[in-house]
N, C-alpha and C. Protein backbone atom coordinates (compact mmCIF):
# COMPACT_ATOMS: atom_id res chain seq x y z
N MET A 1 115.81 168.78 205.02
CA MET A 1 115.85 167.80 203.75
C MET A 1 114.93 166.88 203.65
N THR A 2 114.74 166.57 202.24
CA THR A 2 113.58 165.24 202.19
C THR A 2 114.51 163.81 201.71
N ARG A 3 115.98 163.89 201.44
CA ARG A 3 116.61 163.00 200.86
C ARG A 3 116.36 161.78 201.89
N LYS A 4 116.64 160.64 201.28
CA LYS A 4 116.13 159.24 202.00
C LYS A 4 117.61 158.97 203.04
N LEU A 5 117.19 158.62 204.48
CA LEU A 5 118.22 158.68 205.48
C LEU A 5 118.58 156.96 205.55
N PRO A 6 119.64 156.75 206.04
CA PRO A 6 119.92 155.07 206.36
C PRO A 6 118.96 154.95 207.38
N ALA A 7 118.71 153.74 207.22
CA ALA A 7 118.15 153.51 208.44
C ALA A 7 118.82 152.79 209.42
N LEU A 8 119.54 153.03 210.92
CA LEU A 8 120.20 152.95 211.63
C LEU A 8 120.19 151.65 212.45
N THR A 9 121.48 150.47 212.43
CA THR A 9 121.76 149.41 212.94
C THR A 9 122.51 149.38 213.79
N PRO A 10 122.78 148.31 214.78
CA PRO A 10 124.04 148.00 215.62
C PRO A 10 125.58 148.23 214.54
N GLU A 11 125.07 147.54 213.50
CA GLU A 11 126.35 147.36 212.52
C GLU A 11 126.81 148.74 211.97
N ASN A 12 125.73 150.03 211.72
CA ASN A 12 126.02 151.02 210.58
C ASN A 12 126.09 151.79 211.67
N ARG A 13 125.44 152.13 213.15
CA ARG A 13 125.40 153.12 213.33
C ARG A 13 126.77 153.75 213.70
N ALA A 14 127.92 153.32 214.23
CA ALA A 14 128.93 154.26 214.38
C ALA A 14 129.56 154.97 213.27
N PHE A 15 129.11 154.50 212.03
CA PHE A 15 129.97 155.11 210.78
C PHE A 15 128.61 156.60 210.59
N TRP A 16 127.48 155.77 210.54
CA TRP A 16 126.72 156.88 210.61
C TRP A 16 126.80 158.05 211.67
N GLN A 17 126.86 157.76 212.55
CA GLN A 17 126.78 158.69 213.57
C GLN A 17 128.66 159.23 214.03
N GLY A 18 129.23 158.67 213.51
CA GLY A 18 130.71 159.45 213.78
C GLY A 18 130.67 160.73 213.71
N GLY A 19 130.39 161.26 212.82
CA GLY A 19 130.51 163.04 212.26
C GLY A 19 130.13 163.38 213.57
N ALA A 20 129.26 163.54 214.35
CA ALA A 20 129.04 163.87 216.05
C ALA A 20 130.35 164.20 216.41
N ASP A 21 131.09 163.12 216.80
CA ASP A 21 132.38 163.30 217.06
C ASP A 21 133.54 164.13 215.88
N LYS A 22 133.28 164.26 214.92
CA LYS A 22 134.13 164.61 213.82
C LYS A 22 134.91 163.13 212.96
N GLU A 23 134.34 161.97 213.19
CA GLU A 23 135.34 161.41 213.19
C GLU A 23 134.91 160.52 211.96
N LEU A 24 135.36 159.81 211.40
CA LEU A 24 134.77 158.66 210.22
C LEU A 24 135.78 157.24 210.57
N ARG A 25 134.53 156.34 210.78
CA ARG A 25 134.78 155.30 211.50
C ARG A 25 134.44 154.01 210.67
N MET A 26 135.10 153.46 210.12
CA MET A 26 134.89 152.13 209.55
C MET A 26 135.37 151.01 210.23
N HIS A 27 134.58 149.82 209.88
CA HIS A 27 134.52 148.68 210.44
C HIS A 27 136.16 148.48 210.24
N HIS A 28 136.61 147.36 211.24
CA HIS A 28 138.11 147.08 211.45
C HIS A 28 137.90 145.44 211.98
N CYS A 29 138.68 144.96 211.75
CA CYS A 29 138.54 143.56 211.92
C CYS A 29 139.97 143.03 212.58
N GLY A 30 139.77 141.97 213.87
CA GLY A 30 140.84 142.18 215.14
C GLY A 30 141.69 141.30 214.56
N GLU A 31 141.10 140.12 213.81
CA GLU A 31 141.77 139.06 213.29
C GLU A 31 142.81 139.25 211.98
N CYS A 32 142.50 139.41 211.24
CA CYS A 32 143.34 139.91 209.96
C CYS A 32 143.73 141.46 209.48
N SER A 33 143.08 142.19 210.67
CA SER A 33 143.89 144.08 210.65
C SER A 33 143.40 144.52 209.60
N ARG A 34 141.82 144.08 208.98
CA ARG A 34 141.54 144.91 207.75
C ARG A 34 140.93 145.28 208.08
N PHE A 35 140.50 146.63 207.55
CA PHE A 35 139.05 147.96 207.60
C PHE A 35 138.13 147.17 206.14
N PHE A 36 136.95 147.40 206.59
CA PHE A 36 136.14 147.03 205.65
C PHE A 36 134.84 147.98 205.48
N HIS A 37 133.97 148.41 204.40
CA HIS A 37 133.15 148.98 204.09
C HIS A 37 132.17 148.29 203.34
N PRO A 38 131.00 148.02 203.18
CA PRO A 38 130.18 148.40 204.55
C PRO A 38 129.88 147.92 205.82
N PRO A 39 129.72 148.34 206.88
CA PRO A 39 129.94 147.54 207.82
C PRO A 39 128.87 146.36 208.08
N ALA A 40 129.15 145.59 208.65
CA ALA A 40 129.03 144.07 208.74
C ALA A 40 129.52 143.17 209.86
N PRO A 41 128.82 142.24 210.74
CA PRO A 41 128.80 141.69 211.87
C PRO A 41 129.86 140.53 211.95
N ILE A 42 130.66 140.34 210.72
CA ILE A 42 131.65 139.74 210.42
C ILE A 42 132.96 140.22 209.36
N CYS A 43 133.62 139.48 209.11
CA CYS A 43 134.62 140.23 208.21
C CYS A 43 134.47 139.62 206.66
N PRO A 44 134.59 140.26 205.80
CA PRO A 44 134.25 140.01 204.71
C PRO A 44 135.21 138.93 203.86
N ARG A 45 136.83 139.27 204.23
CA ARG A 45 138.02 139.15 204.32
C ARG A 45 138.31 137.51 205.05
N CYS A 46 137.91 137.37 206.32
CA CYS A 46 138.60 135.86 207.17
C CYS A 46 137.24 135.36 207.69
N LEU A 47 136.27 136.54 207.19
CA LEU A 47 135.30 135.50 208.40
C LEU A 47 135.12 135.87 209.91
N SER A 48 135.98 136.27 210.11
CA SER A 48 135.98 136.33 212.26
C SER A 48 134.73 137.71 212.04
N GLU A 49 134.21 136.82 213.29
CA GLU A 49 133.25 137.77 214.13
C GLU A 49 134.07 139.04 215.28
N ASP A 50 135.70 139.20 215.23
CA ASP A 50 135.95 139.92 216.08
C ASP A 50 136.09 141.52 215.16
N VAL A 51 135.10 142.09 214.99
CA VAL A 51 134.75 143.25 214.08
C VAL A 51 134.44 144.51 215.16
N ALA A 52 135.02 145.90 215.11
CA ALA A 52 134.30 146.63 215.92
C ALA A 52 134.75 148.01 214.59
N PRO A 53 133.93 149.15 214.77
CA PRO A 53 134.22 150.03 214.53
C PRO A 53 135.60 150.94 214.97
N LYS A 54 136.06 151.19 213.77
CA LYS A 54 137.46 152.14 214.05
C LYS A 54 137.38 153.50 213.55
N ALA A 55 138.26 154.34 214.33
CA ALA A 55 138.30 156.41 213.53
C ALA A 55 139.50 155.78 212.72
N VAL A 56 139.35 156.62 211.41
CA VAL A 56 140.32 156.74 210.65
C VAL A 56 141.00 158.25 210.50
N SER A 57 141.89 158.44 209.60
CA SER A 57 141.90 159.75 209.55
C SER A 57 140.90 160.54 208.49
N GLY A 58 140.55 160.25 208.03
CA GLY A 58 139.36 161.08 207.02
C GLY A 58 140.29 161.26 205.42
N ALA A 59 142.12 161.15 205.64
CA ALA A 59 142.16 161.64 204.46
C ALA A 59 142.00 160.47 203.21
N GLY A 60 142.05 160.60 202.11
CA GLY A 60 141.92 160.16 200.96
C GLY A 60 142.47 160.65 199.70
N LYS A 61 141.74 160.12 198.67
CA LYS A 61 142.37 160.27 197.46
C LYS A 61 140.52 160.33 196.27
N VAL A 62 140.54 161.02 195.52
CA VAL A 62 139.55 160.49 194.19
C VAL A 62 139.92 159.54 193.51
N VAL A 63 139.40 158.48 193.38
CA VAL A 63 139.39 157.17 192.59
C VAL A 63 138.98 157.21 191.07
N THR A 64 137.59 157.82 191.30
CA THR A 64 136.94 158.15 189.82
C THR A 64 135.48 158.92 190.07
N PHE A 65 135.44 159.59 189.50
CA PHE A 65 134.11 160.72 189.60
C PHE A 65 133.09 160.81 188.59
N THR A 66 131.84 160.99 188.57
CA THR A 66 131.10 161.94 187.25
C THR A 66 130.00 163.05 188.13
N VAL A 67 130.21 163.98 186.92
CA VAL A 67 129.38 165.37 187.36
C VAL A 67 128.16 164.57 186.72
N ASN A 68 126.80 165.38 188.20
CA ASN A 68 125.38 164.89 187.62
C ASN A 68 124.97 166.21 187.43
N HIS A 69 124.25 166.20 186.02
CA HIS A 69 124.08 167.72 186.09
C HIS A 69 122.52 167.22 185.57
N GLN A 70 121.82 165.95 185.97
CA GLN A 70 120.51 165.94 185.93
C GLN A 70 120.11 166.06 187.69
N PRO A 71 118.77 166.92 187.56
CA PRO A 71 118.07 167.34 188.83
C PRO A 71 117.24 166.15 189.44
N TRP A 72 118.51 165.17 189.69
CA TRP A 72 117.31 163.64 190.59
C TRP A 72 117.13 163.84 191.86
N HIS A 73 117.81 164.72 192.53
CA HIS A 73 116.86 165.16 193.93
C HIS A 73 117.10 166.47 194.35
N ALA A 74 115.56 166.57 194.99
CA ALA A 74 115.85 167.87 195.25
C ALA A 74 116.91 168.69 195.81
N ASP A 75 117.30 168.22 196.87
CA ASP A 75 118.26 168.44 198.02
C ASP A 75 120.05 168.54 197.38
N LEU A 76 119.88 167.99 196.24
CA LEU A 76 121.80 168.21 195.23
C LEU A 76 121.21 168.81 194.52
N LYS A 77 121.81 170.34 194.64
CA LYS A 77 122.07 170.87 193.30
C LYS A 77 122.66 170.71 192.56
N ASP A 78 122.22 170.76 191.03
CA ASP A 78 123.11 170.41 189.76
C ASP A 78 123.81 171.80 189.16
N PRO A 79 125.08 171.54 189.15
CA PRO A 79 125.67 170.26 188.84
C PRO A 79 126.09 169.40 189.84
N TYR A 80 126.55 168.32 190.45
CA TYR A 80 127.16 167.96 191.51
C TYR A 80 128.11 166.65 191.49
N VAL A 81 128.89 166.29 192.11
CA VAL A 81 130.01 165.36 191.99
C VAL A 81 129.79 164.25 193.03
N VAL A 82 129.52 163.12 192.05
CA VAL A 82 129.65 161.61 192.86
C VAL A 82 130.72 161.25 192.38
N ALA A 83 131.65 160.63 193.81
CA ALA A 83 132.67 160.04 193.69
C ALA A 83 133.15 158.86 194.25
N ILE A 84 134.12 158.11 193.84
CA ILE A 84 134.27 157.01 194.50
C ILE A 84 135.87 157.38 195.01
N VAL A 85 135.76 157.59 196.75
CA VAL A 85 137.17 157.73 197.66
C VAL A 85 137.66 156.56 197.96
N GLU A 86 139.18 156.38 198.19
CA GLU A 86 139.75 155.01 198.50
C GLU A 86 140.61 155.91 199.80
N LEU A 87 140.38 155.20 201.35
CA LEU A 87 141.16 155.85 201.88
C LEU A 87 142.59 155.73 202.35
N ALA A 88 142.98 156.46 202.98
CA ALA A 88 144.36 156.49 202.82
C ALA A 88 144.84 155.25 203.70
N GLU A 89 144.31 154.44 204.94
CA GLU A 89 144.22 153.87 206.01
C GLU A 89 144.82 152.47 204.94
N GLN A 90 144.07 152.18 203.66
CA GLN A 90 144.25 151.21 203.05
C GLN A 90 143.63 150.89 201.51
N ALA A 91 144.41 150.35 200.86
CA ALA A 91 144.27 150.52 199.59
C ALA A 91 143.09 149.52 199.29
N GLY A 92 142.08 149.81 198.38
CA GLY A 92 140.48 149.19 198.23
C GLY A 92 139.74 149.47 199.22
N LEU A 93 140.10 150.28 200.02
CA LEU A 93 139.15 150.61 201.04
C LEU A 93 137.69 151.93 200.59
N ARG A 94 137.52 151.67 199.99
CA ARG A 94 136.72 152.84 198.77
C ARG A 94 135.22 152.79 199.33
N PHE A 95 134.55 154.00 198.94
CA PHE A 95 133.15 153.92 199.08
C PHE A 95 132.45 155.67 198.52
N VAL A 96 131.26 155.21 198.12
CA VAL A 96 130.45 156.51 197.17
C VAL A 96 130.44 157.46 198.38
N THR A 97 130.81 158.57 197.36
CA THR A 97 130.44 159.95 198.68
C THR A 97 129.69 160.68 197.65
N ASN A 98 130.25 162.51 197.94
CA ASN A 98 129.84 163.29 197.11
C ASN A 98 130.80 164.61 197.80
N ILE A 99 131.34 164.96 196.28
CA ILE A 99 132.88 165.85 196.30
C ILE A 99 132.26 167.18 196.80
N VAL A 100 132.11 167.81 197.69
CA VAL A 100 131.60 169.71 197.79
C VAL A 100 132.75 170.54 198.33
N GLY A 101 132.13 171.69 198.20
CA GLY A 101 133.07 173.07 199.01
C GLY A 101 134.17 173.31 197.21
N MET A 102 134.03 172.82 195.98
CA MET A 102 134.13 173.25 194.81
C MET A 102 133.53 172.91 193.41
N ALA A 103 134.06 173.94 192.42
CA ALA A 103 133.53 173.59 191.27
C ALA A 103 133.56 172.08 190.99
N PRO A 104 132.71 171.39 190.31
CA PRO A 104 133.15 170.15 189.69
C PRO A 104 134.03 170.27 188.83
N GLU A 105 133.95 170.99 187.79
CA GLU A 105 134.80 171.14 186.91
C GLU A 105 136.88 171.12 187.31
N ASP A 106 136.96 171.53 189.00
CA ASP A 106 137.83 171.37 189.22
C ASP A 106 138.09 170.03 189.95
N VAL A 107 137.49 169.24 190.11
CA VAL A 107 137.96 167.68 190.58
C VAL A 107 138.92 166.69 189.67
N PHE A 108 139.45 166.34 189.81
CA PHE A 108 140.73 165.51 189.29
C PHE A 108 140.96 163.76 189.87
N ILE A 109 141.04 163.07 188.96
CA ILE A 109 141.56 161.80 189.84
C ILE A 109 142.81 161.99 190.71
N ASP A 110 142.72 161.43 192.05
CA ASP A 110 143.78 161.39 192.63
C ASP A 110 144.00 162.45 193.50
N MET A 111 143.09 163.27 193.19
CA MET A 111 142.66 164.71 193.92
C MET A 111 142.67 163.88 195.48
N PRO A 112 143.80 164.78 196.45
CA PRO A 112 143.50 163.97 197.81
C PRO A 112 142.43 164.81 198.40
N VAL A 113 141.96 164.26 199.24
CA VAL A 113 140.44 164.54 200.15
C VAL A 113 140.55 164.79 201.45
N SER A 114 139.45 165.07 201.65
CA SER A 114 139.71 164.96 203.25
C SER A 114 138.30 164.93 204.17
N VAL A 115 137.69 164.40 204.74
CA VAL A 115 136.20 163.91 205.05
C VAL A 115 135.89 165.47 205.73
N CYS A 116 134.36 165.76 205.58
CA CYS A 116 133.76 166.60 205.90
C CYS A 116 132.54 166.27 206.21
N PHE A 117 131.30 166.54 207.61
CA PHE A 117 129.85 165.84 207.20
C PHE A 117 129.19 166.78 207.45
N GLU A 118 127.69 166.48 207.01
CA GLU A 118 126.27 167.03 206.64
C GLU A 118 125.69 166.37 207.61
N GLN A 119 125.33 166.94 208.82
CA GLN A 119 124.03 166.47 209.93
C GLN A 119 123.02 166.81 209.10
N VAL A 120 121.68 165.36 209.27
CA VAL A 120 120.71 165.59 208.71
C VAL A 120 119.82 164.78 209.63
N GLU A 121 119.02 165.48 210.57
CA GLU A 121 118.69 164.76 211.87
C GLU A 121 119.48 163.96 212.61
N ASP A 122 119.50 162.25 212.97
CA ASP A 122 120.81 161.51 213.36
C ASP A 122 121.63 161.19 212.91
N VAL A 123 121.35 161.67 211.51
CA VAL A 123 123.01 160.95 210.96
C VAL A 123 123.71 162.33 209.87
N TRP A 124 125.10 161.68 210.32
CA TRP A 124 126.25 162.78 210.01
C TRP A 124 126.72 161.82 208.56
N LEU A 125 126.34 162.84 206.97
CA LEU A 125 126.65 161.98 205.74
C LEU A 125 128.35 162.39 205.83
N PRO A 126 128.84 161.68 205.54
CA PRO A 126 130.52 162.09 205.18
C PRO A 126 130.76 161.93 203.95
N LEU A 127 131.14 163.47 203.30
CA LEU A 127 131.65 164.23 202.62
C LEU A 127 132.64 164.62 202.15
N PHE A 128 133.18 164.41 201.09
CA PHE A 128 134.32 164.82 201.21
C PHE A 128 134.96 166.09 200.52
N GLU A 129 135.72 167.30 200.27
CA GLU A 129 136.24 167.82 200.07
C GLU A 129 137.95 167.95 199.47
N LYS A 130 137.97 169.20 199.03
CA LYS A 130 139.79 169.16 198.76
C LYS A 130 140.55 169.04 199.95
N ALA A 131 141.94 168.39 200.21
CA ALA A 131 142.40 168.58 201.28
C ALA A 131 143.15 169.69 201.53
N ALA A 132 143.36 170.20 202.42
CA ALA A 132 144.27 171.45 202.62
C ALA A 132 145.79 171.58 202.02
C-alpha cells in the first residue's frame, strides 16, 4: 500500500492502533463525560486535561456521503464511498471514513454501520460496513 499513514503521537496512538484489539477508541473527558475526535490532550468542550482513550461500540450511522469516481489514489479503487459516520455513543461524535463491503449505490443516509479495520503496517484504519 502506498497510502500516507498518520504519524503516531501519544494523543492519537490509541485511536490508530485500537484495531489490533478490534476496538474503536475515542478520547473521552472524565470531567464532562463527552467523547471527542480528533484526539487531543485537552477536552475541546470544557478544557479539562482529564482525557483518555476509551473503547466505544463501533456502531453508528451514515450522516452523509459521496461516491468518488475519480481515481485520486492508487490504493482506492473507484468508485468508493467517503462518508461521515456518527457514532451511537453520542450525538455529534463524527468522523470521516470509507464505507466498504457493499456497492456504492447501496449506501444511504441513516444507514446503520459498524466498524471494521484495515491494518497497514502499525496502523489500523477504522472503516465501516453495513451493520448486520
